[in-house]
Amino acid sequence: MTKGKKIFYKVMHIISIIGIIGMMLGVLFLTAIWIFQPVGDASSYSIGLGVFSFDIPQEVGFFFSHMFFVSLIVMLLLLIALLMSIRKFFKNLSNKYIFIQQNANNIRNVGWILIFLSFLSNVPAIILANDFVGSVDFSNVPFSISYDMEYGMLFAGIAILAVAQIFNQAVKIAEENQLTI
């Protein structure tokens, strides 16, 4: 393995660790908001949905449902699992463990997590929009809530699952080659 590849793998390993730490802080932050439920000036009354954002009047108030926080925490936990699999993969590559079963499993995990995220990525926004519809009068504004699946993430997950199968076969071939030597 060249020195450039080893440096690249170590950098990717470090970036994934930073991402994991950031996601864990996000889970802790969301949990703290859920537990302490800030009100008044401590809470945000600015909401952004899609391409527009607006302020909610102070007298209307607004709260986030528990389902919203649960969905965000589930999303963050999936992202942590994704980054953990990526971290393990790059750590193995930097240690020159390339065609091993753990790498094939990590690639497979990344594919499945991306598929799950493709279905779940817009769920927190839908929950937030449903909570929001009950708080504000939309009689003069056309307003609809629709679910959009992340097709790019779905196809990426399927492609990564295919790569995982190919990698799994490569691991079997590498193991057979080691036995014949």
C-alpha atoms as a PDB file:
ATOM      1  CA  MET A   1       0.000   0.000   0.000  1.00  0.00           C
ATOM      2  CA  THR A   2       1.364   3.379  -0.936  1.00  0.00           C
ATOM      3  CA  LYS A   3       1.871   6.114   1.603  1.00  0.00           C
ATOM      4  CA  GLY A   4      -0.742   8.301  -0.133  1.00  0.00           C
ATOM      5  CA  LYS A   5      -3.424   5.622   0.205  1.00  0.00           C
ATOM      6  CA  LYS A   6      -2.591   5.059   3.850  1.00  0.00           C
ATOM      7  CA  ILE A   7      -2.846   8.809   4.542  1.00  0.00           C
ATOM      8  CA  PHE A   8      -6.174   8.962   2.673  1.00  0.00           C
ATOM      9  CA  TYR A   9      -7.584   6.066   4.701  1.00  0.00           C
ATOM     10  CA  LYS A  10      -6.436   7.642   7.967  1.00  0.00           C
ATOM     11  CA  VAL A  11      -7.985  11.003   6.998  1.00  0.00           C
ATOM     12  CA  MET A  12     -11.285   9.293   6.145  1.00  0.00           C
ATOM     13  CA  HIS A  13     -11.102   7.425   9.452  1.00  0.00           C
ATOM     14  CA  ILE A  14     -10.612  10.705  11.345  1.00  0.00           C
ATOM     15  CA  ILE A  15     -13.433  12.421   9.434  1.00  0.00           C
ATOM     16  CA  SER A  16     -15.799   9.572  10.302  1.00  0.00           C
ATOM     17  CA  ILE A  17     -14.814   9.851  13.982  1.00  0.00           C
ATOM     18  CA  ILE A  18     -15.553  13.589  13.905  1.00  0.00           C
ATOM     19  CA  GLY A  19     -18.928  12.837  12.310  1.00  0.00           C
ATOM     20  CA  ILE A  20     -19.724  10.256  14.989  1.00  0.00           C
ATOM     21  CA  ILE A  21     -18.883  12.746  17.739  1.00  0.00           C
ATOM     22  CA  GLY A  22     -21.052  15.391  16.065  1.00  0.00           C
ATOM     23  CA  MET A  23     -23.986  13.003  15.758  1.00  0.00           C
ATOM     24  CA  MET A  24     -23.648  11.929  19.389  1.00  0.00           C
ATOM     25  CA  LEU A  25     -23.680  15.576  20.454  1.00  0.00           C
ATOM     26  CA  GLY A  26     -26.807  16.010  18.337  1.00  0.00           C
ATOM     27  CA  VAL A  27     -28.524  13.125  20.130  1.00  0.00           C
ATOM     28  CA  LEU A  28     -27.557  14.606  23.503  1.00  0.00           C
ATOM     29  CA  PHE A  29     -28.762  18.066  22.444  1.00  0.00           C
ATOM     30  CA  LEU A  30     -32.117  16.748  21.211  1.00  0.00           C
ATOM     31  CA  THR A  31     -32.548  14.703  24.370  1.00  0.00           C
ATOM     32  CA  ALA A  32     -31.835  17.785  26.500  1.00  0.00           C
ATOM     33  CA  ILE A  33     -34.384  19.821  24.541  1.00  0.00           C
ATOM     34  CA  TRP A  34     -36.920  17.014  24.904  1.00  0.00           C
ATOM     35  CA  ILE A  35     -36.374  16.793  28.675  1.00  0.00           C
ATOM     36  CA  PHE A  36     -36.168  20.506  29.504  1.00  0.00           C
ATOM     37  CA  GLN A  37     -38.653  21.773  26.853  1.00  0.00           C
ATOM     38  CA  PRO A  38     -37.567  25.405  26.549  1.00  0.00           C
ATOM     39  CA  VAL A  39     -40.339  28.003  26.415  1.00  0.00           C
ATOM     40  CA  GLY A  40     -40.595  31.701  25.805  1.00  0.00           C
ATOM     41  CA  ASP A  41     -37.456  33.436  24.628  1.00  0.00           C
ATOM     42  CA  ALA A  42     -35.386  30.266  25.061  1.00  0.00           C
ATOM     43  CA  SER A  43     -37.305  28.473  22.312  1.00  0.00           C
ATOM     44  CA  SER A  44     -37.146  29.200  18.630  1.00  0.00           C
ATOM     45  CA  TYR A  45     -40.208  30.475  16.893  1.00  0.00           C
ATOM     46  CA  SER A  46     -38.711  30.484  13.433  1.00  0.00           C
ATOM     47  CA  ILE A  47     -39.696  27.506  11.316  1.00  0.00           C
ATOM     48  CA  GLY A  48     -38.237  26.514   7.984  1.00  0.00           C
ATOM     49  CA  LEU A  49     -40.161  24.068   5.826  1.00  0.00           C
ATOM     50  CA  GLY A  50     -38.684  23.258   2.460  1.00  0.00           C
ATOM     51  CA  VAL A  51     -37.798  26.448   0.624  1.00  0.00           C
ATOM     52  CA  PHE A  52     -39.572  28.974   2.855  1.00  0.00           C
ATOM     53  CA  SER A  53     -39.396  29.961   6.482  1.00  0.00           C
ATOM     54  CA  PHE A  54     -41.475  32.199   8.692  1.00  0.00           C
ATOM     55  CA  ASP A  55     -41.835  33.274  12.301  1.00  0.00           C
ATOM     56  CA  ILE A  56     -44.524  31.966  14.598  1.00  0.00           C
ATOM     57  CA  PRO A  57     -46.133  34.717  16.687  1.00  0.00           C
ATOM     58  CA  GLN A  58     -45.185  34.554  20.371  1.00  0.00           C
ATOM     59  CA  GLU A  59     -48.823  34.301  21.478  1.00  0.00           C
ATOM     60  CA  VAL A  60     -49.429  31.232  19.291  1.00  0.00           C
ATOM     61  CA  GLY A  61     -46.562  29.297  20.803  1.00  0.00           C
ATOM     62  CA  PHE A  62     -45.317  26.048  19.404  1.00  0.00           C
ATOM     63  CA  PHE A  63     -44.169  22.776  20.786  1.00  0.00           C
ATOM     64  CA  PHE A  64     -42.475  19.798  19.247  1.00  0.00           C
ATOM     65  CA  SER A  65     -44.163  16.471  19.781  1.00  0.00           C
ATOM     66  CA  HIS A  66     -42.373  13.560  21.347  1.00  0.00           C
ATOM     67  CA  MET A  67     -42.690  11.684  18.052  1.00  0.00           C
ATOM     68  CA  PHE A  68     -40.678  14.440  16.362  1.00  0.00           C
ATOM     69  CA  PHE A  69     -37.834  14.034  18.837  1.00  0.00           C
ATOM     70  CA  VAL A  70     -38.011  10.241  18.694  1.00  0.00           C
ATOM     71  CA  SER A  71     -37.826  10.342  14.896  1.00  0.00           C
ATOM     72  CA  LEU A  72     -34.843  12.703  15.000  1.00  0.00           C
ATOM     73  CA  ILE A  73     -33.048  10.546  17.538  1.00  0.00           C
ATOM     74  CA  VAL A  74     -33.707   7.431  15.431  1.00  0.00           C
ATOM     75  CA  MET A  75     -32.301   9.264  12.408  1.00  0.00           C
ATOM     76  CA  LEU A  76     -29.223  10.337  14.342  1.00  0.00           C
ATOM     77  CA  LEU A  77     -28.683   6.823  15.682  1.00  0.00           C
ATOM     78  CA  LEU A  78     -28.877   5.453  12.135  1.00  0.00           C
ATOM     79  CA  LEU A  79     -26.351   8.065  11.035  1.00  0.00           C
ATOM     80  CA  ILE A  80     -24.075   7.104  13.930  1.00  0.00           C
ATOM     81  CA  ALA A  81     -24.331   3.440  12.883  1.00  0.00           C
ATOM     82  CA  LEU A  82     -23.543   4.477   9.301  1.00  0.00           C
ATOM     83  CA  LEU A  83     -20.479   6.437  10.349  1.00  0.00           C
ATOM     84  CA  MET A  84     -19.338   3.633  12.672  1.00  0.00           C
ATOM     85  CA  SER A  85     -19.428   1.154   9.777  1.00  0.00           C
ATOM     86  CA  ILE A  86     -17.545   3.582   7.551  1.00  0.00           C
ATOM     87  CA  ARG A  87     -15.002   4.203  10.329  1.00  0.00           C
ATOM     88  CA  LYS A  88     -14.390   0.477  10.815  1.00  0.00           C
ATOM     89  CA  PHE A  89     -13.994   0.012   7.071  1.00  0.00           C
ATOM     90  CA  PHE A  90     -11.389   2.763   6.708  1.00  0.00           C
ATOM     91  CA  LYS A  91      -9.605   1.652   9.872  1.00  0.00           C
ATOM     92  CA  ASN A  92      -9.244  -1.834   8.388  1.00  0.00           C
ATOM     93  CA  LEU A  93      -8.013  -0.393   5.103  1.00  0.00           C
ATOM     94  CA  SER A  94      -5.422   1.763   6.847  1.00  0.00           C
ATOM     95  CA  ASN A  95      -4.234  -1.347   8.742  1.00  0.00           C
ATOM     96  CA  LYS A  96      -3.900  -3.199   5.407  1.00  0.00           C
ATOM     97  CA  TYR A  97      -6.816  -5.547   6.105  1.00  0.00           C
ATOM     98  CA  ILE A  98      -8.599  -5.312   2.780  1.00  0.00           C
ATOM     99  CA  PHE A  99     -10.332  -8.550   1.782  1.00  0.00           C
ATOM    100  CA  ILE A 100     -11.719  -9.643   5.137  1.00  0.00           C
ATOM    101  CA  GLN A 101     -15.268 -10.577   6.101  1.00  0.00           C
ATOM    102  CA  GLN A 102     -15.604  -7.614   8.475  1.00  0.00           C
ATOM    103  CA  ASN A 103     -15.138  -5.196   5.548  1.00  0.00           C
ATOM    104  CA  ALA A 104     -17.797  -7.025   3.535  1.00  0.00           C
ATOM    105  CA  ASN A 105     -20.143  -6.802   6.531  1.00  0.00           C
ATOM    106  CA  ASN A 106     -19.387  -3.097   6.984  1.00  0.00           C
ATOM    107  CA  ILE A 107     -20.143  -2.396   3.321  1.00  0.00           C
ATOM    108  CA  ARG A 108     -23.386  -4.387   3.604  1.00  0.00           C
ATOM    109  CA  ASN A 109     -24.356  -2.431   6.753  1.00  0.00           C
ATOM    110  CA  VAL A 110     -23.760   0.873   4.962  1.00  0.00           C
ATOM    111  CA  GLY A 111     -26.029  -0.251   2.124  1.00  0.00           C
ATOM    112  CA  TRP A 112     -28.862  -1.293   4.424  1.00  0.00           C
ATOM    113  CA  ILE A 113     -28.601   1.854   6.538  1.00  0.00           C
ATOM    114  CA  LEU A 114     -28.780   4.012   3.409  1.00  0.00           C
ATOM    115  CA  ILE A 115     -31.895   2.132   2.311  1.00  0.00           C
ATOM    116  CA  PHE A 116     -33.516   2.686   5.721  1.00  0.00           C
ATOM    117  CA  LEU A 117     -32.529   6.357   5.655  1.00  0.00           C
ATOM    118  CA  SER A 118     -34.039   6.771   2.181  1.00  0.00           C
ATOM    119  CA  PHE A 119     -37.434   5.863   3.631  1.00  0.00           C
ATOM    120  CA  LEU A 120     -37.058   7.628   6.986  1.00  0.00           C
ATOM    121  CA  SER A 121     -35.206  10.826   6.086  1.00  0.00           C
ATOM    122  CA  ASN A 122     -38.336  12.946   5.601  1.00  0.00           C
ATOM    123  CA  VAL A 123     -40.352  11.496   8.487  1.00  0.00           C
ATOM    124  CA  PRO A 124     -39.249  14.158  11.043  1.00  0.00           C
ATOM    125  CA  ALA A 125     -40.304  16.940   8.653  1.00  0.00           C
ATOM    126  CA  ILE A 126     -43.713  15.318   8.138  1.00  0.00           C
ATOM    127  CA  ILE A 127     -44.229  14.935  11.888  1.00  0.00           C
ATOM    128  CA  LEU A 128     -43.215  18.565  12.397  1.00  0.00           C
ATOM    129  CA  ALA A 129     -45.569  19.719   9.636  1.00  0.00           C
ATOM    130  CA  ASN A 130     -48.460  17.722  11.130  1.00  0.00           C
ATOM    131  CA  ASP A 131     -47.802  19.283  14.537  1.00  0.00           C
ATOM    132  CA  PHE A 132     -47.561  22.698  12.932  1.00  0.00           C
ATOM    133  CA  VAL A 133     -50.859  22.444  11.017  1.00  0.00           C
ATOM    134  CA  GLY A 134     -52.757  22.206  14.291  1.00  0.00           C
ATOM    135  CA  SER A 135     -51.080  25.336  15.700  1.00  0.00           C
ATOM    136  CA  VAL A 136     -51.590  27.892  12.927  1.00  0.00           C
ATOM    137  CA  ASP A 137     -54.579  28.881  10.789  1.00  0.00           C
ATOM    138  CA  PHE A 138     -53.909  28.136   7.120  1.00  0.00           C
ATOM    139  CA  SER A 139     -57.323  29.199   5.818  1.00  0.00           C
ATOM    140  CA  ASN A 140     -55.898  31.699   3.291  1.00  0.00           C
ATOM    141  CA  VAL A 141     -52.866  29.689   2.243  1.00  0.00           C
ATOM    142  CA  PRO A 142     -52.892  26.445   0.284  1.00  0.00           C
ATOM    143  CA  PHE A 143     -50.998  23.950   2.397  1.00  0.00           C
ATOM    144  CA  SER A 144     -50.395  20.265   1.881  1.00  0.00           C
ATOM    145  CA  ILE A 145     -48.108  17.700   3.424  1.00  0.00           C
ATOM    146  CA  SER A 146     -46.554  15.089   1.193  1.00  0.00           C
ATOM    147  CA  TYR A 147     -43.981  12.371   1.706  1.00  0.00           C
ATOM    148  CA  ASP A 148     -40.961  12.358  -0.580  1.00  0.00           C
ATOM    149  CA  MET A 149     -38.629   9.406  -0.499  1.00  0.00           C
ATOM    150  CA  GLU A 150     -34.922   9.961  -1.140  1.00  0.00           C
ATOM    151  CA  TYR A 151     -34.535   7.953  -4.340  1.00  0.00           C
ATOM    152  CA  GLY A 152     -30.857   8.827  -4.746  1.00  0.00           C
ATOM    153  CA  MET A 153     -30.103   7.421  -1.313  1.00  0.00           C
ATOM    154  CA  LEU A 154     -32.216   4.330  -2.078  1.00  0.00           C
ATOM    155  CA  PHE A 155     -30.365   3.595  -5.312  1.00  0.00           C
ATOM    156  CA  ALA A 156     -27.013   4.293  -3.627  1.00  0.00           C
ATOM    157  CA  GLY A 157     -27.929   1.798  -0.904  1.00  0.00           C
ATOM    158  CA  ILE A 158     -28.908  -0.825  -3.473  1.00  0.00           C
ATOM    159  CA  ALA A 159     -25.677  -0.229  -5.407  1.00  0.00           C
ATOM    160  CA  ILE A 160     -23.641  -0.520  -2.205  1.00  0.00           C
ATOM    161  CA  LEU A 161     -25.414  -3.796  -1.374  1.00  0.00           C
ATOM    162  CA  ALA A 162     -24.375  -5.079  -4.808  1.00  0.00           C
ATOM    163  CA  VAL A 163     -20.785  -3.989  -4.125  1.00  0.00           C
ATOM    164  CA  ALA A 164     -20.999  -5.770  -0.757  1.00  0.00           C
ATOM    165  CA  GLN A 165     -21.967  -9.000  -2.528  1.00  0.00           C
ATOM    166  CA  ILE A 166     -19.053  -8.610  -4.930  1.00  0.00           C
ATOM    167  CA  PHE A 167     -16.744  -7.840  -2.002  1.00  0.00           C
ATOM    168  CA  ASN A 168     -18.063 -10.901  -0.171  1.00  0.00           C
ATOM    169  CA  GLN A 169     -17.142 -13.070  -3.162  1.00  0.00           C
ATOM    170  CA  ALA A 170     -13.708 -11.425  -3.279  1.00  0.00           C
ATOM    171  CA  VAL A 171     -13.221 -12.315   0.396  1.00  0.00           C
ATOM    172  CA  LYS A 172     -14.066 -15.954  -0.346  1.00  0.00           C
ATOM    173  CA  ILE A 173     -11.609 -16.006  -3.257  1.00  0.00           C
ATOM    174  CA  ALA A 174      -8.906 -14.398  -1.086  1.00  0.00           C
ATOM    175  CA  GLU A 175      -9.495 -17.002   1.638  1.00  0.00           C
ATOM    176  CA  GLU A 176      -9.260 -19.818  -0.923  1.00  0.00           C
ATOM    177  CA  ASN A 177      -6.014 -18.356  -2.259  1.00  0.00           C
ATOM    178  CA  GLN A 178      -4.554 -18.242   1.245  1.00  0.00           C
ATOM    179  CA  LEU A 179      -5.425 -21.912   1.748  1.00  0.00           C
ATOM    180  CA  THR A 180      -3.716 -22.966  -1.486  1.00  0.00           C
ATOM    181  CA  ILE A 181      -0.430 -21.276  -0.627  1.00  0.00           C
END
